[in-house]
C-alpha atoms as a PDB file:
ATOM      1  CA  MET A   1      81.424  50.745  97.153  1.00  0.00           C
ATOM      2  CA  THR A   2      79.021  54.057  97.562  1.00  0.00           C
ATOM      3  CA  TRP A   3      80.812  57.167  96.647  1.00  0.00           C
ATOM      4  CA  LEU A   4      79.613  60.619  97.771  1.00  0.00           C
ATOM      5  CA  ILE A   5      80.520  63.123  95.147  1.00  0.00           C
ATOM      6  CA  THR A   6      80.367  66.583  96.577  1.00  0.00           C
ATOM      7  CA  GLY A   7      79.837  69.202  93.708  1.00  0.00           C
ATOM      8  CA  GLY A   8      78.342  66.366  91.607  1.00  0.00           C
ATOM      9  CA  ALA A   9      75.920  68.657  89.931  1.00  0.00           C
ATOM     10  CA  GLY A  10      78.756  71.048  88.661  1.00  0.00           C
ATOM     11  CA  TYR A  11      80.692  70.903  85.242  1.00  0.00           C
ATOM     12  CA  ILE A  12      83.617  68.632  86.387  1.00  0.00           C
ATOM     13  CA  GLY A  13      81.345  66.858  89.072  1.00  0.00           C
ATOM     14  CA  ALA A  14      78.566  65.756  86.768  1.00  0.00           C
ATOM     15  CA  HIS A  15      81.280  64.141  84.703  1.00  0.00           C
ATOM     16  CA  VAL A  16      82.884  62.296  87.536  1.00  0.00           C
ATOM     17  CA  VAL A  17      79.397  61.119  88.516  1.00  0.00           C
ATOM     18  CA  ARG A  18      78.861  59.728  84.900  1.00  0.00           C
ATOM     19  CA  ALA A  19      82.277  58.030  84.969  1.00  0.00           C
ATOM     20  CA  MET A  20      81.756  56.505  88.260  1.00  0.00           C
ATOM     21  CA  THR A  21      78.241  55.128  87.356  1.00  0.00           C
ATOM     22  CA  GLU A  22      79.558  53.807  84.073  1.00  0.00           C
ATOM     23  CA  ALA A  23      82.496  51.844  85.952  1.00  0.00           C
ATOM     24  CA  GLY A  24      79.963  50.116  88.141  1.00  0.00           C
ATOM     25  CA  GLU A  25      80.094  52.357  91.265  1.00  0.00           C
ATOM     26  CA  GLN A  26      77.157  53.456  93.165  1.00  0.00           C
ATOM     27  CA  ALA A  27      77.299  57.247  93.558  1.00  0.00           C
ATOM     28  CA  VAL A  28      75.387  59.866  95.477  1.00  0.00           C
ATOM     29  CA  VAL A  29      75.581  63.539  94.697  1.00  0.00           C
ATOM     30  CA  TYR A  30      75.885  66.236  97.418  1.00  0.00           C
ATOM     31  CA  ASP A  31      75.637  69.916  96.075  1.00  0.00           C
ATOM     32  CA  ASP A  32      74.213  73.024  97.486  1.00  0.00           C
ATOM     33  CA  LEU A  33      73.261  73.837  93.598  1.00  0.00           C
ATOM     34  CA  SER A  34      74.655  77.268  93.926  1.00  0.00           C
ATOM     35  CA  THR A  35      76.372  76.795  90.658  1.00  0.00           C
ATOM     36  CA  GLY A  36      75.448  73.024  90.082  1.00  0.00           C
ATOM     37  CA  ILE A  37      72.562  72.136  87.820  1.00  0.00           C
ATOM     38  CA  ALA A  38      70.079  69.446  89.248  1.00  0.00           C
ATOM     39  CA  GLU A  39      69.376  68.037  85.647  1.00  0.00           C
ATOM     40  CA  ARG A  40      73.037  67.098  85.290  1.00  0.00           C
ATOM     41  CA  VAL A  41      72.389  64.394  87.919  1.00  0.00           C
ATOM     42  CA  PRO A  42      71.646  61.056  86.174  1.00  0.00           C
ATOM     43  CA  ASP A  43      68.359  59.279  86.734  1.00  0.00           C
ATOM     44  CA  GLY A  44      68.777  56.868  89.624  1.00  0.00           C
ATOM     45  CA  VAL A  45      71.581  58.747  91.415  1.00  0.00           C
ATOM     46  CA  PRO A  46      70.205  60.471  94.690  1.00  0.00           C
ATOM     47  CA  LEU A  47      70.785  64.061  95.025  1.00  0.00           C
ATOM     48  CA  VAL A  48      71.071  65.539  98.443  1.00  0.00           C
ATOM     49  CA  VAL A  49      70.920  69.328  98.378  1.00  0.00           C
ATOM     50  CA  GLY A  50      73.242  70.948 101.275  1.00  0.00           C
ATOM     51  CA  SER A  51      76.367  72.651 102.057  1.00  0.00           C
ATOM     52  CA  THR A  52      79.480  71.118 103.128  1.00  0.00           C
ATOM     53  CA  LEU A  53      79.396  73.729 105.777  1.00  0.00           C
ATOM     54  CA  ASP A  54      76.560  71.874 107.285  1.00  0.00           C
ATOM     55  CA  GLY A  55      78.063  69.122 109.323  1.00  0.00           C
ATOM     56  CA  GLU A  56      74.652  67.472 110.432  1.00  0.00           C
ATOM     57  CA  ARG A  57      73.543  67.414 106.865  1.00  0.00           C
ATOM     58  CA  VAL A  58      76.643  65.736 105.866  1.00  0.00           C
ATOM     59  CA  ALA A  59      76.557  63.279 108.350  1.00  0.00           C
ATOM     60  CA  ARG A  60      73.001  62.163 107.484  1.00  0.00           C
ATOM     61  CA  ALA A  61      73.778  61.679 103.964  1.00  0.00           C
ATOM     62  CA  LEU A  62      76.982  59.610 104.745  1.00  0.00           C
ATOM     63  CA  ALA A  63      74.779  57.414 107.030  1.00  0.00           C
ATOM     64  CA  ASP A  64      71.569  57.381 105.130  1.00  0.00           C
ATOM     65  CA  HIS A  65      73.401  56.206 101.848  1.00  0.00           C
ATOM     66  CA  GLU A  66      76.113  54.032 103.651  1.00  0.00           C
ATOM     67  CA  VAL A  67      78.813  55.955 101.922  1.00  0.00           C
ATOM     68  CA  THR A  68      82.377  54.108 101.990  1.00  0.00           C
ATOM     69  CA  GLY A  69      84.168  56.764  99.989  1.00  0.00           C
ATOM     70  CA  VAL A  70      84.128  60.515  99.219  1.00  0.00           C
ATOM     71  CA  VAL A  71      85.224  62.322  96.075  1.00  0.00           C
ATOM     72  CA  HIS A  72      85.189  66.126  97.115  1.00  0.00           C
ATOM     73  CA  LEU A  73      84.862  68.617  94.364  1.00  0.00           C
ATOM     74  CA  ALA A  74      82.618  71.179  95.998  1.00  0.00           C
ATOM     75  CA  ALA A  75      84.556  74.376  96.162  1.00  0.00           C
ATOM     76  CA  LYS A  76      84.456  77.963  94.781  1.00  0.00           C
ATOM     77  CA  LYS A  77      87.148  78.424  91.923  1.00  0.00           C
ATOM     78  CA  GLN A  78      87.035  81.727  90.382  1.00  0.00           C
ATOM     79  CA  VAL A  79      90.570  83.126  90.712  1.00  0.00           C
ATOM     80  CA  ALA A  80      89.629  86.913  90.369  1.00  0.00           C
ATOM     81  CA  GLU A  81      86.505  86.406  92.626  1.00  0.00           C
ATOM     82  CA  SER A  82      88.833  84.970  95.377  1.00  0.00           C
ATOM     83  CA  VAL A  83      90.962  88.013  95.361  1.00  0.00           C
ATOM     84  CA  ALA A  84      87.991  90.144  95.860  1.00  0.00           C
ATOM     85  CA  GLN A  85      86.292  87.833  98.472  1.00  0.00           C
ATOM     86  CA  PRO A  86      89.189  85.869 100.325  1.00  0.00           C
ATOM     87  CA  LEU A  87      87.242  85.315 103.444  1.00  0.00           C
ATOM     88  CA  ARG A  88      84.271  83.781 101.517  1.00  0.00           C
ATOM     89  CA  TYR A  89      86.540  81.430  99.607  1.00  0.00           C
ATOM     90  CA  TYR A  90      88.518  80.353 102.935  1.00  0.00           C
ATOM     91  CA  ARG A  91      85.270  79.771 104.609  1.00  0.00           C
ATOM     92  CA  GLU A  92      83.747  77.626 101.588  1.00  0.00           C
ATOM     93  CA  ASN A  93      86.843  75.751 100.487  1.00  0.00           C
ATOM     94  CA  VAL A  94      88.890  75.137 103.700  1.00  0.00           C
ATOM     95  CA  GLU A  95      86.137  75.429 106.331  1.00  0.00           C
ATOM     96  CA  GLY A  96      83.822  73.500 104.269  1.00  0.00           C
ATOM     97  CA  LEU A  97      86.542  70.755 103.731  1.00  0.00           C
ATOM     98  CA  ARG A  98      87.305  70.735 107.448  1.00  0.00           C
ATOM     99  CA  VAL A  99      83.560  70.064 108.427  1.00  0.00           C
ATOM    100  CA  LEU A 100      83.436  67.483 105.510  1.00  0.00           C
ATOM    101  CA  LEU A 101      86.549  65.588 106.876  1.00  0.00           C
ATOM    102  CA  ASP A 102      85.197  65.763 110.375  1.00  0.00           C
ATOM    103  CA  ALA A 103      81.868  63.950 109.296  1.00  0.00           C
ATOM    104  CA  VAL A 104      83.890  61.463 107.113  1.00  0.00           C
ATOM    105  CA  THR A 105      86.315  60.423 110.083  1.00  0.00           C
ATOM    106  CA  ALA A 106      83.532  60.052 112.602  1.00  0.00           C
ATOM    107  CA  ALA A 107      81.627  58.043 110.100  1.00  0.00           C
ATOM    108  CA  GLU A 108      84.768  55.845 109.433  1.00  0.00           C
ATOM    109  CA  VAL A 109      84.699  56.289 105.866  1.00  0.00           C
ATOM    110  CA  PRO A 110      87.910  54.764 104.657  1.00  0.00           C
ATOM    111  CA  SER A 111      88.617  56.585 101.264  1.00  0.00           C
ATOM    112  CA  PHE A 112      88.854  60.346 100.362  1.00  0.00           C
ATOM    113  CA  VAL A 113      89.656  61.778  96.804  1.00  0.00           C
ATOM    114  CA  PHE A 114      90.221  65.569  96.826  1.00  0.00           C
ATOM    115  CA  SER A 115      89.992  67.637  93.664  1.00  0.00           C
ATOM    116  CA  SER A 116      92.902  70.183  94.005  1.00  0.00           C
ATOM    117  CA  SER A 117      94.430  72.495  91.045  1.00  0.00           C
ATOM    118  CA  ALA A 118      97.488  73.471  89.309  1.00  0.00           C
ATOM    119  CA  ALA A 119      96.679  76.762  90.893  1.00  0.00           C
ATOM    120  CA  VAL A 120      98.856  75.627  94.037  1.00  0.00           C
ATOM    121  CA  TYR A 121     102.107  75.914  91.934  1.00  0.00           C
ATOM    122  CA  GLY A 122     101.631  79.653  91.197  1.00  0.00           C
ATOM    123  CA  MET A 123     104.104  80.579  88.554  1.00  0.00           C
ATOM    124  CA  PRO A 124     106.545  77.743  88.216  1.00  0.00           C
ATOM    125  CA  ASP A 125     109.733  78.423  86.260  1.00  0.00           C
ATOM    126  CA  VAL A 126     110.191  74.939  84.962  1.00  0.00           C
ATOM    127  CA  ASP A 127     109.363  73.368  81.462  1.00  0.00           C
ATOM    128  CA  LEU A 128     107.260  70.415  83.096  1.00  0.00           C
ATOM    129  CA  VAL A 129     105.708  70.793  86.593  1.00  0.00           C
ATOM    130  CA  THR A 130     106.193  67.897  88.726  1.00  0.00           C
ATOM    131  CA  GLU A 131     104.674  67.004  92.143  1.00  0.00           C
ATOM    132  CA  GLU A 132     107.934  68.280  93.637  1.00  0.00           C
ATOM    133  CA  THR A 133     107.812  71.607  92.039  1.00  0.00           C
ATOM    134  CA  PRO A 134     107.483  74.089  94.814  1.00  0.00           C
ATOM    135  CA  CYS A 135     104.063  75.303  95.647  1.00  0.00           C
ATOM    136  CA  LEU A 136     103.653  79.117  95.550  1.00  0.00           C
ATOM    137  CA  PRO A 137      99.909  79.829  94.878  1.00  0.00           C
ATOM    138  CA  MET A 138      99.300  83.470  93.761  1.00  0.00           C
ATOM    139  CA  SER A 139      95.509  83.824  94.549  1.00  0.00           C
ATOM    140  CA  PRO A 140      93.343  83.032  97.527  1.00  0.00           C
ATOM    141  CA  TYR A 141      91.933  80.429  95.264  1.00  0.00           C
ATOM    142  CA  GLY A 142      95.199  78.475  95.010  1.00  0.00           C
ATOM    143  CA  GLU A 143      95.971  78.999  98.702  1.00  0.00           C
ATOM    144  CA  THR A 144      92.648  77.324  99.696  1.00  0.00           C
ATOM    145  CA  LYS A 145      93.289  74.297  97.401  1.00  0.00           C
ATOM    146  CA  LEU A 146      96.921  74.137  98.894  1.00  0.00           C
ATOM    147  CA  ALA A 147      95.416  74.351 102.515  1.00  0.00           C
ATOM    148  CA  GLY A 148      93.011  71.680 101.548  1.00  0.00           C
ATOM    149  CA  GLU A 149      95.817  69.466 100.437  1.00  0.00           C
ATOM    150  CA  TRP A 150      97.627  69.850 103.846  1.00  0.00           C
ATOM    151  CA  LEU A 151      94.424  69.230 105.619  1.00  0.00           C
ATOM    152  CA  VAL A 152      93.577  66.183 103.787  1.00  0.00           C
ATOM    153  CA  ARG A 153      97.045  64.594 104.118  1.00  0.00           C
ATOM    154  CA  ALA A 154      97.057  65.559 107.657  1.00  0.00           C
ATOM    155  CA  THR A 155      93.892  63.861 108.479  1.00  0.00           C
ATOM    156  CA  GLY A 156      94.890  60.799 106.758  1.00  0.00           C
ATOM    157  CA  ARG A 157      98.007  60.480 108.791  1.00  0.00           C
ATOM    158  CA  ALA A 158      96.070  61.025 112.045  1.00  0.00           C
ATOM    159  CA  THR A 159      93.207  58.802 111.354  1.00  0.00           C
ATOM    160  CA  GLY A 160      94.246  56.294 108.605  1.00  0.00           C
ATOM    161  CA  LEU A 161      91.999  57.655 105.977  1.00  0.00           C
ATOM    162  CA  SER A 162      93.358  56.689 102.610  1.00  0.00           C
ATOM    163  CA  THR A 163      93.693  59.940 100.490  1.00  0.00           C
ATOM    164  CA  THR A 164      94.489  61.257  96.948  1.00  0.00           C
ATOM    165  CA  CYS A 165      94.829  64.954  95.847  1.00  0.00           C
ATOM    166  CA  LEU A 166      94.407  65.382  92.180  1.00  0.00           C
ATOM    167  CA  ARG A 167      96.025  68.399  90.756  1.00  0.00           C
ATOM    168  CA  TYR A 168      94.024  68.839  87.539  1.00  0.00           C
ATOM    169  CA  PHE A 169      95.423  71.885  84.956  1.00  0.00           C
ATOM    170  CA  ASN A 170      93.193  73.453  82.379  1.00  0.00           C
ATOM    171  CA  VAL A 171      89.893  71.556  81.851  1.00  0.00           C
ATOM    172  CA  ALA A 172      87.700  71.863  78.747  1.00  0.00           C
ATOM    173  CA  GLY A 173      85.541  69.818  76.570  1.00  0.00           C
ATOM    174  CA  ALA A 174      82.320  67.820  77.459  1.00  0.00           C
ATOM    175  CA  ALA A 175      81.087  64.214  77.265  1.00  0.00           C
ATOM    176  CA  ARG A 176      77.783  65.401  75.993  1.00  0.00           C
ATOM    177  CA  PRO A 177      76.496  68.770  75.091  1.00  0.00           C
ATOM    178  CA  GLU A 178      74.198  69.038  78.202  1.00  0.00           C
ATOM    179  CA  LEU A 179      77.155  68.459  80.458  1.00  0.00           C
ATOM    180  CA  ALA A 180      79.119  71.454  79.053  1.00  0.00           C
ATOM    181  CA  ASP A 181      80.667  74.272  80.975  1.00  0.00           C
ATOM    182  CA  THR A 182      78.035  76.845  81.389  1.00  0.00           C
ATOM    183  CA  GLY A 183      80.622  79.400  83.034  1.00  0.00           C
ATOM    184  CA  VAL A 184      82.675  81.885  81.114  1.00  0.00           C
ATOM    185  CA  PHE A 185      85.965  81.792  83.077  1.00  0.00           C
ATOM    186  CA  ASN A 186      88.318  79.814  80.879  1.00  0.00           C
ATOM    187  CA  VAL A 187      90.040  80.574  77.720  1.00  0.00           C
ATOM    188  CA  VAL A 188      87.640  78.157  75.616  1.00  0.00           C
ATOM    189  CA  PRO A 189      84.415  79.612  76.640  1.00  0.00           C
ATOM    190  CA  MET A 190      85.868  83.148  76.820  1.00  0.00           C
ATOM    191  CA  VAL A 191      86.769  82.840  73.139  1.00  0.00           C
ATOM    192  CA  PHE A 192      83.410  81.398  72.234  1.00  0.00           C
ATOM    193  CA  GLU A 193      81.684  84.192  74.012  1.00  0.00           C
ATOM    194  CA  LYS A 194      83.607  86.775  71.780  1.00  0.00           C
ATOM    195  CA  LEU A 195      82.950  84.950  68.613  1.00  0.00           C
ATOM    196  CA  THR A 196      79.394  84.741  69.506  1.00  0.00           C
ATOM    197  CA  GLU A 197      79.255  88.395  69.954  1.00  0.00           C
ATOM    198  CA  ASN A 198      81.163  88.648  66.578  1.00  0.00           C
ATOM    199  CA  ALA A 199      83.826  90.154  68.295  1.00  0.00           C
ATOM    200  CA  PRO A 200      87.552  89.326  68.184  1.00  0.00           C
ATOM    201  CA  PRO A 201      88.956  87.171  70.880  1.00  0.00           C
ATOM    202  CA  ARG A 202      91.346  88.674  73.324  1.00  0.00           C
ATOM    203  CA  ILE A 203      94.877  87.649  74.097  1.00  0.00           C
ATOM    204  CA  PHE A 204      96.314  88.766  77.378  1.00  0.00           C
ATOM    205  CA  GLY A 205      99.723  89.826  76.465  1.00  0.00           C
ATOM    206  CA  ASP A 206     102.031  88.679  73.408  1.00  0.00           C
ATOM    207  CA  ASP A 207     105.342  89.461  74.862  1.00  0.00           C
ATOM    208  CA  TYR A 208     106.090  86.404  77.095  1.00  0.00           C
ATOM    209  CA  PRO A 209     109.223  84.528  76.902  1.00  0.00           C
ATOM    210  CA  THR A 210     107.500  81.564  74.835  1.00  0.00           C
ATOM    211  CA  PRO A 211     107.630  80.743  71.156  1.00  0.00           C
ATOM    212  CA  ASP A 212     104.801  82.982  70.050  1.00  0.00           C
ATOM    213  CA  GLY A 213     104.747  85.386  73.033  1.00  0.00           C
ATOM    214  CA  THR A 214     101.632  84.159  74.505  1.00  0.00           C
ATOM    215  CA  CYS A 215     101.032  82.073  77.680  1.00  0.00           C
ATOM    216  CA  VAL A 216     101.498  78.231  77.226  1.00  0.00           C
ATOM    217  CA  ARG A 217      99.208  76.035  79.225  1.00  0.00           C
ATOM    218  CA  ASP A 218      98.277  72.316  79.413  1.00  0.00           C
ATOM    219  CA  TYR A 219      94.693  71.598  78.530  1.00  0.00           C
ATOM    220  CA  ILE A 220      92.786  68.349  79.483  1.00  0.00           C
ATOM    221  CA  HIS A 221      89.547  66.950  78.525  1.00  0.00           C
ATOM    222  CA  VAL A 222      87.110  66.762  81.222  1.00  0.00           C
ATOM    223  CA  VAL A 223      86.446  63.087  80.416  1.00  0.00           C
ATOM    224  CA  ASP A 224      90.032  62.274  81.113  1.00  0.00           C
ATOM    225  CA  VAL A 225      89.783  64.198  84.486  1.00  0.00           C
ATOM    226  CA  ALA A 226      86.601  62.282  85.337  1.00  0.00           C
ATOM    227  CA  GLU A 227      88.382  59.099  84.507  1.00  0.00           C
ATOM    228  CA  ALA A 228      91.286  60.038  86.708  1.00  0.00           C
ATOM    229  CA  HIS A 229      88.918  60.434  89.630  1.00  0.00           C
ATOM    230  CA  VAL A 230      87.509  56.712  89.023  1.00  0.00           C
ATOM    231  CA  ALA A 231      91.189  55.312  88.786  1.00  0.00           C
ATOM    232  CA  ALA A 232      92.081  57.304  92.061  1.00  0.00           C
ATOM    233  CA  ALA A 233      88.775  55.747  93.657  1.00  0.00           C
ATOM    234  CA  HIS A 234      89.941  52.293  92.592  1.00  0.00           C
ATOM    235  CA  ALA A 235      93.477  52.581  93.738  1.00  0.00           C
ATOM    236  CA  LEU A 236      92.348  53.678  97.310  1.00  0.00           C
ATOM    237  CA  ARG A 237      90.012  50.808  97.495  1.00  0.00           C
ATOM    238  CA  SER A 238      92.662  48.128  96.450  1.00  0.00           C
ATOM    239  CA  SER A 239      95.450  49.664  98.363  1.00  0.00           C
ATOM    240  CA  PRO A 240      93.936  50.948 101.760  1.00  0.00           C
ATOM    241  CA  GLY A 241      96.296  53.395 103.623  1.00  0.00           C
ATOM    242  CA  ARG A 242      97.652  55.178 100.639  1.00  0.00           C
ATOM    243  CA  SER A 243      98.469  58.831 100.393  1.00  0.00           C
ATOM    244  CA  LEU A 244      99.008  60.297  96.972  1.00  0.00           C
ATOM    245  CA  THR A 245      99.176  63.648  95.266  1.00  0.00           C
ATOM    246  CA  LEU A 246      99.216  63.671  91.496  1.00  0.00           C
ATOM    247  CA  ASN A 247      99.196  65.995  88.505  1.00  0.00           C
ATOM    248  CA  ILE A 248      96.294  65.325  86.075  1.00  0.00           C
ATOM    249  CA  GLY A 249      97.483  66.866  82.682  1.00  0.00           C
ATOM    250  CA  ARG A 250      98.354  65.754  79.217  1.00  0.00           C
ATOM    251  CA  GLY A 251     101.911  66.982  79.414  1.00  0.00           C
ATOM    252  CA  GLU A 252     101.524  69.052  76.137  1.00  0.00           C
ATOM    253  CA  GLY A 253     101.805  72.744  76.013  1.00  0.00           C
ATOM    254  CA  VAL A 254      99.517  74.850  73.933  1.00  0.00           C
ATOM    255  CA  SER A 255      99.727  78.525  73.525  1.00  0.00           C
ATOM    256  CA  VAL A 256      96.967  80.877  73.828  1.00  0.00           C
ATOM    257  CA  ARG A 257      97.492  81.859  70.181  1.00  0.00           C
ATOM    258  CA  GLU A 258      97.513  78.287  69.219  1.00  0.00           C
ATOM    259  CA  MET A 259      94.219  77.561  70.976  1.00  0.00           C
ATOM    260  CA  ILE A 260      92.550  80.500  69.498  1.00  0.00           C
ATOM    261  CA  ASP A 261      93.663  79.344  66.021  1.00  0.00           C
ATOM    262  CA  HIS A 262      92.215  75.750  66.829  1.00  0.00           C
ATOM    263  CA  ILE A 263      88.962  77.172  68.067  1.00  0.00           C
ATOM    264  CA  THR A 264      88.319  79.339  64.954  1.00  0.00           C
ATOM    265  CA  ALA A 265      89.221  76.463  62.838  1.00  0.00           C
ATOM    266  CA  VAL A 266      86.679  74.316  64.527  1.00  0.00           C
ATOM    267  CA  THR A 267      83.918  77.015  64.653  1.00  0.00           C
ATOM    268  CA  GLY A 268      84.379  78.577  61.261  1.00  0.00           C
ATOM    269  CA  HIS A 269      84.642  81.913  62.909  1.00  0.00           C
ATOM    270  CA  ARG A 270      87.687  83.766  61.259  1.00  0.00           C
ATOM    271  CA  LEU A 271      88.052  86.982  63.395  1.00  0.00           C
ATOM    272  CA  SER A 272      91.698  87.745  64.387  1.00  0.00           C
ATOM    273  CA  PRO A 273      92.499  88.110  68.096  1.00  0.00           C
ATOM    274  CA  THR A 274      93.129  91.616  69.652  1.00  0.00           C
ATOM    275  CA  ILE A 275      96.242  91.892  71.896  1.00  0.00           C
ATOM    276  CA  THR A 276      95.381  93.578  75.438  1.00  0.00           C
ATOM    277  CA  PRO A 277      97.847  94.082  78.226  1.00  0.00           C
ATOM    278  CA  ARG A 278      98.977  91.365  80.346  1.00  0.00           C
ATOM    279  CA  ARG A 279      96.900  90.122  83.267  1.00  0.00           C
ATOM    280  CA  PRO A 280      98.558  90.153  86.525  1.00  0.00           C
ATOM    281  CA  GLY A 281      99.732  86.753  87.833  1.00  0.00           C
ATOM    282  CA  ASP A 282      99.724  85.149  84.621  1.00  0.00           C
ATOM    283  CA  PRO A 283     102.688  82.701  84.422  1.00  0.00           C
ATOM    284  CA  PRO A 284     104.240  82.263  81.027  1.00  0.00           C
ATOM    285  CA  ARG A 285     104.173  78.455  80.954  1.00  0.00           C
ATOM    286  CA  VAL A 286     102.596  75.993  83.236  1.00  0.00           C
ATOM    287  CA  VAL A 287     102.484  72.256  81.814  1.00  0.00           C
ATOM    288  CA  ALA A 288     102.164  69.152  83.681  1.00  0.00           C
ATOM    289  CA  SER A 289     104.415  66.045  84.070  1.00  0.00           C
ATOM    290  CA  ALA A 290     101.804  63.363  84.444  1.00  0.00           C
ATOM    291  CA  ASP A 291     104.190  60.479  84.717  1.00  0.00           C
ATOM    292  CA  ARG A 292     103.261  59.798  88.373  1.00  0.00           C
ATOM    293  CA  ALA A 293      99.497  59.385  87.724  1.00  0.00           C
ATOM    294  CA  ALA A 294     100.365  56.995  84.943  1.00  0.00           C
ATOM    295  CA  THR A 295     102.353  54.854  87.366  1.00  0.00           C
ATOM    296  CA  GLU A 296     100.334  54.909  90.421  1.00  0.00           C
ATOM    297  CA  LEU A 297      96.942  54.903  88.538  1.00  0.00           C
ATOM    298  CA  ALA A 298      97.714  53.436  85.404  1.00  0.00           C
ATOM    299  CA  TRP A 299      95.845  56.534  83.999  1.00  0.00           C
ATOM    300  CA  LYS A 300      96.778  58.458  80.765  1.00  0.00           C
ATOM    301  CA  ALA A 301      94.826  61.311  79.097  1.00  0.00           C
ATOM    302  CA  LYS A 302      93.298  60.034  75.853  1.00  0.00           C
ATOM    303  CA  HIS A 303      91.561  62.926  74.299  1.00  0.00           C
ATOM    304  CA  ASP A 304      93.423  65.542  72.141  1.00  0.00           C
ATOM    305  CA  LEU A 305      92.859  69.333  71.612  1.00  0.00           C
ATOM    306  CA  HIS A 306      90.396  68.818  68.775  1.00  0.00           C
ATOM    307  CA  ASP A 307      88.147  66.596  70.909  1.00  0.00           C
ATOM    308  CA  MET A 308      87.898  69.076  73.711  1.00  0.00           C
ATOM    309  CA  ILE A 309      87.177  72.145  71.429  1.00  0.00           C
ATOM    310  CA  THR A 310      84.595  70.307  69.311  1.00  0.00           C
ATOM    311  CA  SER A 311      82.676  68.929  72.173  1.00  0.00           C
ATOM    312  CA  ALA A 312      82.827  72.227  73.933  1.00  0.00           C
ATOM    313  CA  TRP A 313      81.601  74.004  70.953  1.00  0.00           C
ATOM    314  CA  GLN A 314      78.503  71.479  70.577  1.00  0.00           C
ATOM    315  CA  GLY A 315      77.782  72.430  74.262  1.00  0.00           C
ATOM    316  CA  TRP A 316      77.953  75.934  73.732  1.00  0.00           C
ATOM    317  CA  LEU A 317      75.733  75.947  70.591  1.00  0.00           C
ATOM    318  CA  ARG A 318      73.093  74.148  72.507  1.00  0.00           C
ATOM    319  CA  LEU A 319      72.912  77.139  74.909  1.00  0.00           C
ATOM    320  CA  HIS A 320      73.914  79.851  72.204  1.00  0.00           C
ATOM    321  CA  PRO A 321      72.386  78.620  68.965  1.00  0.00           C
ATOM    322  CA  GLU A 322      73.004  82.056  67.157  1.00  0.00           C
ATOM    323  CA  ALA A 323      76.749  81.271  67.559  1.00  0.00           C
ATOM    324  CA  GLY A 324      76.635  78.928  64.557  1.00  0.00           C
ATOM    325  CA  ARG A 325      75.706  81.638  62.414  1.00  0.00           C
ATOM    326  CA  GLY A 326      79.119  83.232  62.209  1.00  0.00           C
END
């Protein structure tokens, strides 16, 4: 099969492309390069520069490369930015998906994997989040991901398109330093940035109803996330007509304080964190149950927290060599 991977020059997308090609699949990257980096695309993998809002461009890419499956990762994904720019997020994430699905169904592409997010759950009041946990997103970003799932599943029911929606949790790590996350929007790079500045990391609130008072999250290595996409693609190929929605996580909660302790141990920086007020909308605990993914895809996360932090740090040092002098 030939898989069109939208957003394939981004952080997670580049890992999906790598995993797909290593599994023997043909890949084509479709990316507008607004945040993606062309150099992340492996040699021999075609790169089509374009927006998912450009239906004609998408249709040509599907036809020119004889695409038989799509993995859709292209999206805007900053929660705070989505609050400030909801119209932009709905246009890019929902309308872009609608245009893409229109082209996919017109071309009779049979398989579609949609990268969703744990943000669809909002503030779940459960120890482990299952796929049946109510979805109550708290940001326009989370809303667009949930609306995207609705659109994907509805299209599948109406047209016979085989679909899988993957709700992944807090992604970290890198397969190689050059594929590391270059953004500073998640806890690991945010801590790295502070340590590079020789400033204490920040903890947003330490009075949550958790064992150490800080928020608890499920962190998963980006390589495991990429492997989940490959497993989902293979499952759709072997069982046409499927419609799956799956959590992609480790099922292990790690508090922000524990994460910072692990990071300082790996990096050799010993600055103690400072406590600042809570951020609005931060749930105390969000940890996945990934049992369904294990059953449906024969997939399970393999990498631990140390792997995530160590690989992420090597990527950070590649761009910020001064950070190693702490």
